[in-house]
Amino acid sequence: MVPGLGLRSSRLPIFRCSDTPGIQFQGTCSAAPRASPHGLPEPLAAPEDECVAMQQRIGELVADMDVPIHCRIEFSTREDEQLRPKGESNKDYFLNSGDKIRFFFEKDVFDEKGNFLFPPEKSVNKIGHALHAYDPVFRRVTHSPKVQALARSLGFQVPVIVQSMYIFKQPHFGGEGGLSRRLVRTYAGSKLDISFLGSEPVRDASLFVPTPVRRGDLILIHGEVVHKSDQNLSERSRHAYTFHLMESVDTVWSPDNWLQPTAELPFVPLYK
């Protein structure tokens, strides 16, 4: 849905990985063989072998995950839930995840002691935020020739990858992807903290347009497109791999953004 489409250079490519049709709310284009005024040509879709490779690799990462109880964050895009006090170690776990591969979980999947109430593989909300840098499968997909060609066709000169995520949208309780808000770094005294910038205006829900996408479809979302993804109440997951691109020429990354490049992992150039 596009209440107002601006000209910022940031875009979010999303590869649909699950085999259920699902719904993505977005306002630019999805890669599908059908004709669409906003559609991208079919060759930009992820082929079946890429979808299988990504899902298999994620299965391996989840099977091997070992997240200490004090770092088990129930992730939410809702302001009142995301900023609910969870302890300093939890906030640090999130704030310092930009150059790491870390696990974030659905709401209400832990007991009062932090133990899983459901199988761990059914409890993960997302994995982020540096799959594109450290995992060979996702590095290959992110830097694929078709993605680079697409970026060039859109006029990117020196695009960099800011972050990447694998989103699970678990059956029955897969958390909603709320309307985009600016999560910024703040300080409580000398202690680093996070807060939402401004307030989200009331949106007319009838203006959002649901866009069906299929396995392997590619979705592009402009940085100023208002988009969301509702809670998954179906019996099947809606996996997606996403990564954020930014034009680095004549661009200054806000020092207030919650995610910052580090000495260990500066923003990775898309073109090799």
Protein backbone atom coordinates (compact mmCIF):
# COMPACT_ATOMS: atom_id res chain seq x y z
CA MET A 1 0.00 0.00 0.00
CA VAL A 2 1.30 3.44 -0.91
CA PRO A 3 -0.33 6.33 0.96
CA GLY A 4 2.66 8.48 -0.06
CA LEU A 5 5.60 7.36 -2.18
CA GLY A 6 8.74 9.47 -1.77
CA LEU A 7 12.14 9.35 -3.40
CA ARG A 8 14.43 8.02 -0.72
CA SER A 9 17.03 5.57 -1.94
CA SER A 10 16.45 2.87 0.65
CA ARG A 11 14.62 -0.22 -0.56
CA LEU A 12 13.83 -3.58 0.95
CA PRO A 13 14.02 -6.66 -1.28
CA ILE A 14 12.07 -9.61 0.05
CA PHE A 15 12.34 -13.16 -1.25
CA ARG A 16 9.33 -15.30 -0.38
CA CYS A 17 10.67 -18.70 0.70
CA SER A 18 7.65 -20.61 1.98
CA ASP A 19 5.39 -22.78 -0.12
CA THR A 20 2.17 -21.18 1.08
CA PRO A 21 0.85 -18.24 -0.97
CA GLY A 22 0.62 -15.85 1.98
CA ILE A 23 0.09 -12.12 1.82
CA GLN A 24 2.64 -9.33 1.80
CA PHE A 25 1.43 -5.75 2.18
CA GLN A 26 3.65 -3.62 -0.02
CA GLY A 27 3.39 -0.81 -2.48
CA THR A 28 5.83 -1.25 -5.31
CA CYS A 29 6.23 -4.54 -7.05
CA SER A 30 6.39 -8.31 -6.71
CA ALA A 31 8.26 -10.64 -9.04
CA ALA A 32 5.66 -12.95 -10.54
CA PRO A 33 4.98 -14.28 -14.03
CA ARG A 34 1.60 -12.53 -14.19
CA ALA A 35 1.40 -9.04 -15.67
CA SER A 36 1.17 -6.19 -13.18
CA PRO A 37 1.63 -2.42 -13.41
CA HIS A 38 4.10 -2.74 -10.54
CA GLY A 39 5.46 -6.19 -11.42
CA LEU A 40 9.02 -7.23 -11.98
CA PRO A 41 9.94 -9.79 -14.66
CA GLU A 42 9.85 -13.43 -13.64
CA PRO A 43 13.64 -14.01 -13.92
CA LEU A 44 14.12 -11.88 -10.79
CA ALA A 45 12.27 -14.42 -8.68
CA ALA A 46 14.36 -16.79 -6.57
CA PRO A 47 14.50 -20.21 -8.26
CA GLU A 48 13.44 -23.31 -6.37
CA ASP A 49 17.00 -24.36 -5.57
CA GLU A 50 17.67 -21.02 -3.85
CA CYS A 51 14.49 -21.32 -1.80
CA VAL A 52 15.42 -24.84 -0.75
CA ALA A 53 18.99 -23.82 0.09
CA MET A 54 17.84 -20.92 2.27
CA GLN A 55 15.28 -23.01 4.14
CA GLN A 56 17.73 -25.86 4.69
CA ARG A 57 20.38 -23.48 6.00
CA ILE A 58 17.92 -21.82 8.36
CA GLY A 59 16.92 -25.26 9.63
CA GLU A 60 20.57 -25.96 10.43
CA LEU A 61 21.02 -22.63 12.22
CA VAL A 62 17.91 -23.18 14.34
CA ALA A 63 18.93 -26.75 15.17
CA ASP A 64 22.32 -25.49 16.38
CA MET A 65 21.14 -22.33 18.17
CA ASP A 66 22.15 -21.89 21.78
CA VAL A 67 20.67 -18.68 23.17
CA PRO A 68 21.23 -18.08 26.89
CA ILE A 69 18.01 -17.63 28.84
CA HIS A 70 18.86 -14.03 29.74
CA CYS A 71 19.15 -13.19 26.02
CA ARG A 72 15.87 -14.76 24.89
CA ILE A 73 14.00 -11.75 23.51
CA GLU A 74 10.36 -11.91 22.49
CA PHE A 75 10.50 -9.65 19.45
CA SER A 76 7.63 -7.37 18.47
CA THR A 77 7.22 -4.38 16.16
CA ARG A 78 4.56 -2.91 18.45
CA GLU A 79 5.90 0.04 20.43
CA ASP A 80 4.22 -0.86 23.72
CA GLU A 81 5.63 -4.39 23.56
CA GLN A 82 9.05 -3.84 22.01
CA LEU A 83 10.04 -1.29 24.61
CA ARG A 84 8.64 -3.16 27.59
CA PRO A 85 11.48 -3.52 30.14
CA LYS A 86 13.23 -6.86 29.71
CA GLY A 87 16.54 -6.24 31.40
CA GLU A 88 19.66 -4.51 30.18
CA SER A 89 21.23 -7.64 28.73
CA ASN A 90 18.21 -8.11 26.46
CA LYS A 91 18.44 -4.59 25.07
CA ASP A 92 22.15 -5.00 24.51
CA TYR A 93 21.49 -8.30 22.74
CA PHE A 94 19.23 -6.47 20.29
CA LEU A 95 21.27 -3.27 19.94
CA ASN A 96 24.49 -5.16 19.23
CA SER A 97 23.00 -7.56 16.68
CA GLY A 98 23.77 -5.51 13.57
CA ASP A 99 27.06 -7.32 12.96
CA LYS A 100 25.95 -10.73 14.22
CA ILE A 101 23.58 -13.60 13.50
CA ARG A 102 21.14 -13.65 16.41
CA PHE A 103 17.78 -15.20 17.21
CA PHE A 104 14.62 -13.36 18.26
CA PHE A 105 11.46 -15.10 19.40
CA GLU A 106 7.68 -14.86 19.22
CA LYS A 107 5.61 -13.53 22.10
CA ASP A 108 4.48 -15.89 24.84
CA VAL A 109 6.75 -18.79 23.89
CA PHE A 110 8.66 -18.84 27.22
CA ASP A 111 7.60 -19.66 30.75
CA GLU A 112 8.43 -17.37 33.66
CA LYS A 113 11.93 -18.88 33.85
CA GLY A 114 12.70 -18.37 30.16
CA ASN A 115 12.25 -22.01 29.13
CA PHE A 116 10.55 -22.84 25.84
CA LEU A 117 6.83 -23.65 25.98
CA PHE A 118 6.86 -24.73 22.33
CA PRO A 119 9.46 -26.46 20.14
CA PRO A 120 12.31 -23.96 19.57
CA GLU A 121 11.97 -24.21 15.78
CA LYS A 122 8.33 -23.07 16.12
CA SER A 123 9.21 -20.24 18.50
CA VAL A 124 11.63 -18.17 16.43
CA ASN A 125 10.28 -14.87 15.09
CA LYS A 126 13.33 -13.90 13.04
CA ILE A 127 17.08 -14.26 12.65
CA GLY A 128 19.12 -11.09 12.11
CA HIS A 129 20.84 -8.94 11.26
CA ALA A 130 24.01 -10.03 9.38
CA LEU A 131 23.11 -13.20 7.49
CA HIS A 132 24.21 -11.46 4.28
CA ALA A 133 27.73 -11.01 5.65
CA TYR A 134 28.49 -14.18 7.56
CA ASP A 135 26.45 -17.01 6.06
CA PRO A 136 27.58 -18.27 2.65
CA VAL A 137 24.09 -19.28 1.48
CA PHE A 138 22.57 -15.89 2.20
CA ARG A 139 25.66 -14.03 1.01
CA ARG A 140 25.31 -15.79 -2.34
CA VAL A 141 21.60 -14.95 -2.66
CA THR A 142 22.09 -11.33 -1.61
CA HIS A 143 24.96 -10.70 -4.02
CA SER A 144 23.49 -12.71 -6.88
CA PRO A 145 23.93 -11.28 -10.40
CA LYS A 146 20.19 -10.73 -10.75
CA VAL A 147 20.04 -8.66 -7.56
CA GLN A 148 23.03 -6.59 -8.64
CA ALA A 149 21.51 -6.09 -12.09
CA LEU A 150 18.24 -4.98 -10.52
CA ALA A 151 20.02 -2.45 -8.30
CA ARG A 152 21.86 -1.02 -11.30
CA SER A 153 18.60 -0.75 -13.25
CA LEU A 154 17.17 1.30 -10.38
CA GLY A 155 20.09 3.72 -10.53
CA PHE A 156 22.09 2.63 -7.50
CA GLN A 157 25.72 3.68 -7.85
CA VAL A 158 27.34 2.25 -4.72
CA PRO A 159 24.60 0.48 -2.79
CA VAL A 160 25.44 -1.01 0.59
CA ILE A 161 23.60 -3.68 2.56
CA VAL A 162 22.53 -2.27 5.90
CA GLN A 163 20.99 -5.38 7.43
CA SER A 164 19.32 -8.69 6.62
CA MET A 165 16.72 -10.86 8.32
CA TYR A 166 15.06 -14.22 7.91
CA ILE A 167 11.43 -13.86 9.03
CA PHE A 168 9.48 -16.98 9.97
CA LYS A 169 5.84 -15.91 10.35
CA GLN A 170 5.14 -19.01 12.40
CA PRO A 171 1.78 -20.80 12.07
CA HIS A 172 -1.06 -19.53 14.27
CA PHE A 173 0.91 -16.87 16.15
CA GLY A 174 3.48 -15.42 13.73
CA GLY A 175 3.79 -11.83 14.90
CA GLU A 176 2.54 -8.94 12.83
CA GLY A 177 4.95 -6.66 11.04
CA GLY A 178 3.62 -3.32 12.20
CA LEU A 179 3.74 -0.01 10.38
CA SER A 180 7.27 1.29 9.95
CA ARG A 181 8.53 3.43 12.82
CA ARG A 182 11.93 4.94 13.45
CA LEU A 183 13.66 3.14 16.28
CA VAL A 184 16.55 5.31 17.46
CA ARG A 185 19.38 5.17 19.94
CA THR A 186 18.94 7.24 23.06
CA TYR A 187 20.80 7.52 26.33
CA ALA A 188 19.56 7.12 29.88
CA GLY A 189 22.41 8.98 31.53
CA SER A 190 25.48 7.32 30.06
CA LYS A 191 23.64 4.06 29.30
CA LEU A 192 22.69 3.32 25.69
CA ASP A 193 18.96 2.76 25.22
CA ILE A 194 16.35 2.72 22.43
CA SER A 195 13.19 4.67 21.77
CA PHE A 196 10.70 5.33 18.98
CA LEU A 197 10.99 8.69 17.22
CA GLY A 198 7.75 10.65 16.95
CA SER A 199 4.36 9.01 16.76
CA GLU A 200 2.71 6.94 14.07
CA PRO A 201 -0.23 8.79 12.44
CA VAL A 202 -3.57 7.04 12.29
CA ARG A 203 -3.85 5.21 8.97
CA ASP A 204 -7.04 4.37 7.12
CA ALA A 205 -6.95 0.56 7.10
CA SER A 206 -9.14 0.47 3.99
CA LEU A 207 -6.33 2.05 1.94
CA PHE A 208 -3.96 -0.88 2.43
CA VAL A 209 -3.91 -3.24 -0.54
CA PRO A 210 -3.11 -6.93 0.12
CA THR A 211 -0.74 -8.32 -2.48
CA PRO A 212 -0.61 -12.11 -2.97
CA VAL A 213 2.88 -13.48 -3.54
CA ARG A 214 4.13 -16.95 -4.31
CA ARG A 215 7.13 -19.03 -3.38
CA GLY A 216 10.27 -17.41 -4.75
CA ASP A 217 8.62 -14.07 -5.53
CA LEU A 218 10.69 -10.94 -5.07
CA ILE A 219 9.12 -7.85 -3.52
CA LEU A 220 10.67 -4.38 -3.59
CA ILE A 221 9.57 -1.86 -0.98
CA HIS A 222 10.66 1.75 -1.30
CA GLY A 223 12.03 3.33 1.85
CA GLU A 224 9.03 5.65 2.21
CA VAL A 225 6.30 3.15 1.43
CA VAL A 226 4.00 2.53 4.39
CA HIS A 227 3.67 -1.22 4.64
CA LYS A 228 2.70 -3.91 7.10
CA SER A 229 2.21 -7.65 7.42
CA ASP A 230 -0.59 -8.90 9.64
CA GLN A 231 -0.33 -11.73 12.13
CA ASN A 232 -0.22 -15.19 10.60
CA LEU A 233 -3.25 -17.10 11.89
CA SER A 234 -3.03 -19.85 9.28
CA GLU A 235 -1.68 -23.36 9.78
CA ARG A 236 1.40 -22.77 7.62
CA SER A 237 4.48 -20.61 8.00
CA ARG A 238 5.26 -17.68 5.71
CA HIS A 239 9.05 -17.60 5.55
CA ALA A 240 10.78 -14.64 3.91
CA TYR A 241 14.37 -13.45 3.55
CA THR A 242 14.77 -9.67 3.55
CA PHE A 243 17.65 -7.25 3.23
CA HIS A 244 17.91 -3.46 3.22
CA LEU A 245 19.88 -1.49 0.62
CA MET A 246 21.07 2.11 0.86
CA GLU A 247 22.79 4.29 -1.73
CA SER A 248 26.07 5.30 -0.10
CA VAL A 249 27.00 8.07 -2.55
CA ASP A 250 26.27 11.48 -1.00
CA THR A 251 24.43 9.77 1.84
CA VAL A 252 25.08 10.04 5.57
CA TRP A 253 23.70 7.26 7.76
CA SER A 254 21.94 8.75 10.77
CA PRO A 255 23.98 8.33 13.96
CA ASP A 256 20.67 8.04 15.81
CA ASN A 257 19.53 4.90 13.99
CA TRP A 258 19.40 1.91 16.33
CA LEU A 259 21.57 -0.08 13.89
CA GLN A 260 25.08 1.19 13.26
CA PRO A 261 28.01 -0.08 11.18
CA THR A 262 30.89 -1.39 13.26
CA ALA A 263 34.62 -1.83 12.85
CA GLU A 264 33.97 -5.57 12.58
CA LEU A 265 31.26 -5.12 9.94
CA PRO A 266 30.97 -1.86 8.00
CA PHE A 267 27.99 -1.73 5.66
CA VAL A 268 28.76 -4.27 2.93
CA PRO A 269 28.85 -3.07 -0.72
CA LEU A 270 26.37 -4.94 -2.90
CA TYR A 271 28.57 -4.84 -5.99
CA LYS A 272 31.68 -7.00 -5.95
